[in-house]
């Protein structure tokens, strides 16, 4: 199962990142141009949230079948990273993406909707950048 889920999890990360970046740029543009919050803005944030939650479900299953997740005393940096750091930070990032969607819908004005969507999505992106095992980091994974 690990061999099937890892490529799916790897592919989905790009969907989440692209949608998150699209939401950030679209909400920033909406803030700057002071345009109205449209259905396409709402749908973009919905797709971002759906992709993030799908990635979370795959990640949770992967968490329990991955050889890189081990409980107990370990000094291996890679095991610690995937057991604690990666999973915790990604859950926090998904919480921020969910908050971005929910709080933007509750905004009274278009500016408030764009501002909330932009701020919470940007925080989620920063957390994700810290939690991704980049190819140039000590815990590296290939791009694809």
C-alpha atoms as a PDB file:
ATOM      1  CA  UNK A   1       0.000   0.000   0.000  1.00  0.00           C
ATOM      2  CA  UNK A   2       2.928   2.336   0.723  1.00  0.00           C
ATOM      3  CA  UNK A   3       4.094   1.970  -2.881  1.00  0.00           C
ATOM      4  CA  UNK A   4       0.707   3.107  -4.199  1.00  0.00           C
ATOM      5  CA  UNK A   5       0.040   5.941  -1.754  1.00  0.00           C
ATOM      6  CA  UNK A   6       3.417   7.652  -1.995  1.00  0.00           C
ATOM      7  CA  UNK A   7       3.061   8.699  -5.678  1.00  0.00           C
ATOM      8  CA  UNK A   8      -0.540   9.796  -5.036  1.00  0.00           C
ATOM      9  CA  UNK A   9       0.581  11.887  -2.060  1.00  0.00           C
ATOM     10  CA  UNK A  10       3.421  13.308  -4.138  1.00  0.00           C
ATOM     11  CA  UNK A  11       1.122  14.227  -7.040  1.00  0.00           C
ATOM     12  CA  UNK A  12      -1.512  15.785  -4.788  1.00  0.00           C
ATOM     13  CA  UNK A  13       1.044  18.096  -3.197  1.00  0.00           C
ATOM     14  CA  UNK A  14       1.378  19.913  -6.504  1.00  0.00           C
ATOM     15  CA  UNK A  15      -2.392  20.325  -6.800  1.00  0.00           C
ATOM     16  CA  UNK A  16      -2.569  21.720  -3.259  1.00  0.00           C
ATOM     17  CA  UNK A  17       0.364  24.083  -3.832  1.00  0.00           C
ATOM     18  CA  UNK A  18      -0.933  25.347  -7.189  1.00  0.00           C
ATOM     19  CA  UNK A  19      -4.437  25.945  -5.862  1.00  0.00           C
ATOM     20  CA  UNK A  20      -3.095  27.596  -2.719  1.00  0.00           C
ATOM     21  CA  UNK A  21      -0.896  29.911  -4.779  1.00  0.00           C
ATOM     22  CA  UNK A  22      -3.818  30.699  -7.084  1.00  0.00           C
ATOM     23  CA  UNK A  23      -6.007  31.593  -4.096  1.00  0.00           C
ATOM     24  CA  UNK A  24      -3.268  33.782  -2.608  1.00  0.00           C
ATOM     25  CA  UNK A  25      -2.674  35.691  -5.847  1.00  0.00           C
ATOM     26  CA  UNK A  26      -6.374  35.988  -6.633  1.00  0.00           C
ATOM     27  CA  UNK A  27      -7.212  37.270  -3.143  1.00  0.00           C
ATOM     28  CA  UNK A  28      -4.291  39.719  -3.212  1.00  0.00           C
ATOM     29  CA  UNK A  29      -5.472  40.973  -6.586  1.00  0.00           C
ATOM     30  CA  UNK A  30      -8.990  41.353  -5.185  1.00  0.00           C
ATOM     31  CA  UNK A  31      -7.634  43.342  -2.236  1.00  0.00           C
ATOM     32  CA  UNK A  32      -5.560  45.646  -4.398  1.00  0.00           C
ATOM     33  CA  UNK A  33      -8.175  46.210  -7.098  1.00  0.00           C
ATOM     34  CA  UNK A  34     -11.055  46.430  -4.592  1.00  0.00           C
ATOM     35  CA  UNK A  35     -13.260  44.308  -6.819  1.00  0.00           C
ATOM     36  CA  UNK A  36     -16.223  42.305  -5.597  1.00  0.00           C
ATOM     37  CA  UNK A  37     -15.836  38.790  -4.215  1.00  0.00           C
ATOM     38  CA  UNK A  38     -17.110  36.573  -7.030  1.00  0.00           C
ATOM     39  CA  UNK A  39     -18.311  32.996  -7.341  1.00  0.00           C
ATOM     40  CA  UNK A  40     -15.001  32.077  -8.964  1.00  0.00           C
ATOM     41  CA  UNK A  41     -13.148  33.349  -5.876  1.00  0.00           C
ATOM     42  CA  UNK A  42     -15.411  31.215  -3.705  1.00  0.00           C
ATOM     43  CA  UNK A  43     -14.990  28.151  -5.922  1.00  0.00           C
ATOM     44  CA  UNK A  44     -11.215  28.526  -6.034  1.00  0.00           C
ATOM     45  CA  UNK A  45     -11.055  28.493  -2.239  1.00  0.00           C
ATOM     46  CA  UNK A  46     -13.412  25.502  -2.190  1.00  0.00           C
ATOM     47  CA  UNK A  47     -11.174  23.540  -4.579  1.00  0.00           C
ATOM     48  CA  UNK A  48      -8.142  24.486  -2.494  1.00  0.00           C
ATOM     49  CA  UNK A  49      -9.813  23.173   0.643  1.00  0.00           C
ATOM     50  CA  UNK A  50     -11.024  19.967  -1.054  1.00  0.00           C
ATOM     51  CA  UNK A  51      -7.554  19.218  -2.429  1.00  0.00           C
ATOM     52  CA  UNK A  52      -5.992  19.886   0.986  1.00  0.00           C
ATOM     53  CA  UNK A  53      -8.448  17.589   2.757  1.00  0.00           C
ATOM     54  CA  UNK A  54      -7.937  14.870   0.140  1.00  0.00           C
ATOM     55  CA  UNK A  55      -4.194  15.189   0.670  1.00  0.00           C
ATOM     56  CA  UNK A  56      -4.797  14.938   4.427  1.00  0.00           C
ATOM     57  CA  UNK A  57      -6.751  11.694   4.044  1.00  0.00           C
ATOM     58  CA  UNK A  58      -4.030  10.139   1.902  1.00  0.00           C
ATOM     59  CA  UNK A  59      -1.416  11.425   4.357  1.00  0.00           C
ATOM     60  CA  UNK A  60      -3.203   9.915   7.359  1.00  0.00           C
ATOM     61  CA  UNK A  61      -3.347   6.503   5.692  1.00  0.00           C
ATOM     62  CA  UNK A  62       0.293   6.872   4.654  1.00  0.00           C
ATOM     63  CA  UNK A  63       1.189   7.804   8.233  1.00  0.00           C
ATOM     64  CA  UNK A  64       0.152   4.369   9.450  1.00  0.00           C
ATOM     65  CA  UNK A  65       1.741   2.298   6.662  1.00  0.00           C
ATOM     66  CA  UNK A  66       4.953   4.237   5.991  1.00  0.00           C
ATOM     67  CA  UNK A  67       8.278   2.759   7.082  1.00  0.00           C
ATOM     68  CA  UNK A  68       9.386   6.335   7.844  1.00  0.00           C
ATOM     69  CA  UNK A  69       6.887   6.661  10.668  1.00  0.00           C
ATOM     70  CA  UNK A  70       7.974   4.818  13.777  1.00  0.00           C
ATOM     71  CA  UNK A  71       6.946   5.240  17.366  1.00  0.00           C
ATOM     72  CA  UNK A  72       9.471   4.862  20.169  1.00  0.00           C
ATOM     73  CA  UNK A  73      12.985   6.031  20.772  1.00  0.00           C
ATOM     74  CA  UNK A  74      14.771   6.803  17.541  1.00  0.00           C
ATOM     75  CA  UNK A  75      17.664   9.027  16.593  1.00  0.00           C
ATOM     76  CA  UNK A  76      16.998   8.883  12.862  1.00  0.00           C
ATOM     77  CA  UNK A  77      16.283  12.428  11.576  1.00  0.00           C
ATOM     78  CA  UNK A  78      14.125  11.194   8.722  1.00  0.00           C
ATOM     79  CA  UNK A  79      11.929   9.056  10.988  1.00  0.00           C
ATOM     80  CA  UNK A  80      11.499  11.920  13.460  1.00  0.00           C
ATOM     81  CA  UNK A  81      10.716  14.351  10.649  1.00  0.00           C
ATOM     82  CA  UNK A  82       7.908  12.257   9.155  1.00  0.00           C
ATOM     83  CA  UNK A  83       6.598  10.983  12.489  1.00  0.00           C
ATOM     84  CA  UNK A  84       6.300  14.381  14.168  1.00  0.00           C
ATOM     85  CA  UNK A  85       7.313  17.498  12.264  1.00  0.00           C
ATOM     86  CA  UNK A  86       5.905  16.940   8.776  1.00  0.00           C
ATOM     87  CA  UNK A  87       2.580  15.524   9.883  1.00  0.00           C
ATOM     88  CA  UNK A  88       1.970  18.104  12.623  1.00  0.00           C
ATOM     89  CA  UNK A  89       2.862  21.120  10.494  1.00  0.00           C
ATOM     90  CA  UNK A  90       0.784  19.882   7.556  1.00  0.00           C
ATOM     91  CA  UNK A  91      -2.272  19.404   9.761  1.00  0.00           C
ATOM     92  CA  UNK A  92      -1.798  22.945  11.084  1.00  0.00           C
ATOM     93  CA  UNK A  93      -1.476  24.249   7.495  1.00  0.00           C
ATOM     94  CA  UNK A  94      -4.705  22.495   6.498  1.00  0.00           C
ATOM     95  CA  UNK A  95      -6.433  24.044   9.513  1.00  0.00           C
ATOM     96  CA  UNK A  96      -5.333  27.471   8.244  1.00  0.00           C
ATOM     97  CA  UNK A  97      -6.591  26.688   4.721  1.00  0.00           C
ATOM     98  CA  UNK A  98      -9.924  25.619   6.171  1.00  0.00           C
ATOM     99  CA  UNK A  99     -10.087  28.773   8.290  1.00  0.00           C
ATOM    100  CA  UNK A 100      -9.309  30.839   5.190  1.00  0.00           C
ATOM    101  CA  UNK A 101     -12.321  29.365   3.421  1.00  0.00           C
ATOM    102  CA  UNK A 102     -14.723  29.544   6.379  1.00  0.00           C
ATOM    103  CA  UNK A 103     -13.749  33.002   7.594  1.00  0.00           C
ATOM    104  CA  UNK A 104     -13.747  34.484   4.091  1.00  0.00           C
ATOM    105  CA  UNK A 105     -17.323  33.318   3.628  1.00  0.00           C
ATOM    106  CA  UNK A 106     -18.285  35.034   6.886  1.00  0.00           C
ATOM    107  CA  UNK A 107     -16.730  38.365   5.926  1.00  0.00           C
ATOM    108  CA  UNK A 108     -19.225  41.237   5.832  1.00  0.00           C
ATOM    109  CA  UNK A 109     -17.495  43.127   3.019  1.00  0.00           C
ATOM    110  CA  UNK A 110     -15.590  42.021  -0.059  1.00  0.00           C
ATOM    111  CA  UNK A 111     -12.396  43.542   1.336  1.00  0.00           C
ATOM    112  CA  UNK A 112     -12.813  41.540   4.553  1.00  0.00           C
ATOM    113  CA  UNK A 113     -13.374  38.350   2.556  1.00  0.00           C
ATOM    114  CA  UNK A 114     -10.271  38.882   0.425  1.00  0.00           C
ATOM    115  CA  UNK A 115      -8.164  39.919   3.419  1.00  0.00           C
ATOM    116  CA  UNK A 116      -9.073  36.836   5.458  1.00  0.00           C
ATOM    117  CA  UNK A 117      -8.571  34.542   2.498  1.00  0.00           C
ATOM    118  CA  UNK A 118      -5.188  36.094   1.730  1.00  0.00           C
ATOM    119  CA  UNK A 119      -3.809  36.141   5.297  1.00  0.00           C
ATOM    120  CA  UNK A 120      -4.837  32.623   6.321  1.00  0.00           C
ATOM    121  CA  UNK A 121      -3.796  31.125   2.971  1.00  0.00           C
ATOM    122  CA  UNK A 122      -0.410  32.843   3.142  1.00  0.00           C
ATOM    123  CA  UNK A 123       0.174  31.507   6.662  1.00  0.00           C
ATOM    124  CA  UNK A 124      -0.738  28.015   5.414  1.00  0.00           C
ATOM    125  CA  UNK A 125       1.717  28.357   2.518  1.00  0.00           C
ATOM    126  CA  UNK A 126       4.553  29.401   4.825  1.00  0.00           C
ATOM    127  CA  UNK A 127       3.893  26.438   7.115  1.00  0.00           C
ATOM    128  CA  UNK A 128       3.796  24.086   4.124  1.00  0.00           C
ATOM    129  CA  UNK A 129       7.116  25.434   2.847  1.00  0.00           C
ATOM    130  CA  UNK A 130       8.670  24.641   6.231  1.00  0.00           C
ATOM    131  CA  UNK A 131       7.185  21.131   6.310  1.00  0.00           C
ATOM    132  CA  UNK A 132       7.991  19.925   2.785  1.00  0.00           C
ATOM    133  CA  UNK A 133      11.008  17.632   2.459  1.00  0.00           C
ATOM    134  CA  UNK A 134      12.664  19.650  -0.320  1.00  0.00           C
ATOM    135  CA  UNK A 135      15.347  18.027  -2.518  1.00  0.00           C
ATOM    136  CA  UNK A 136      17.926  20.472  -1.108  1.00  0.00           C
ATOM    137  CA  UNK A 137      17.041  19.860   2.564  1.00  0.00           C
ATOM    138  CA  UNK A 138      18.656  17.302   4.902  1.00  0.00           C
ATOM    139  CA  UNK A 139      15.496  15.174   4.635  1.00  0.00           C
ATOM    140  CA  UNK A 140      15.195  15.213   0.876  1.00  0.00           C
ATOM    141  CA  UNK A 141      12.667  13.835  -1.548  1.00  0.00           C
ATOM    142  CA  UNK A 142      12.649  14.158  -5.348  1.00  0.00           C
ATOM    143  CA  UNK A 143      10.424  16.770  -7.010  1.00  0.00           C
ATOM    144  CA  UNK A 144       8.279  14.087  -8.643  1.00  0.00           C
END
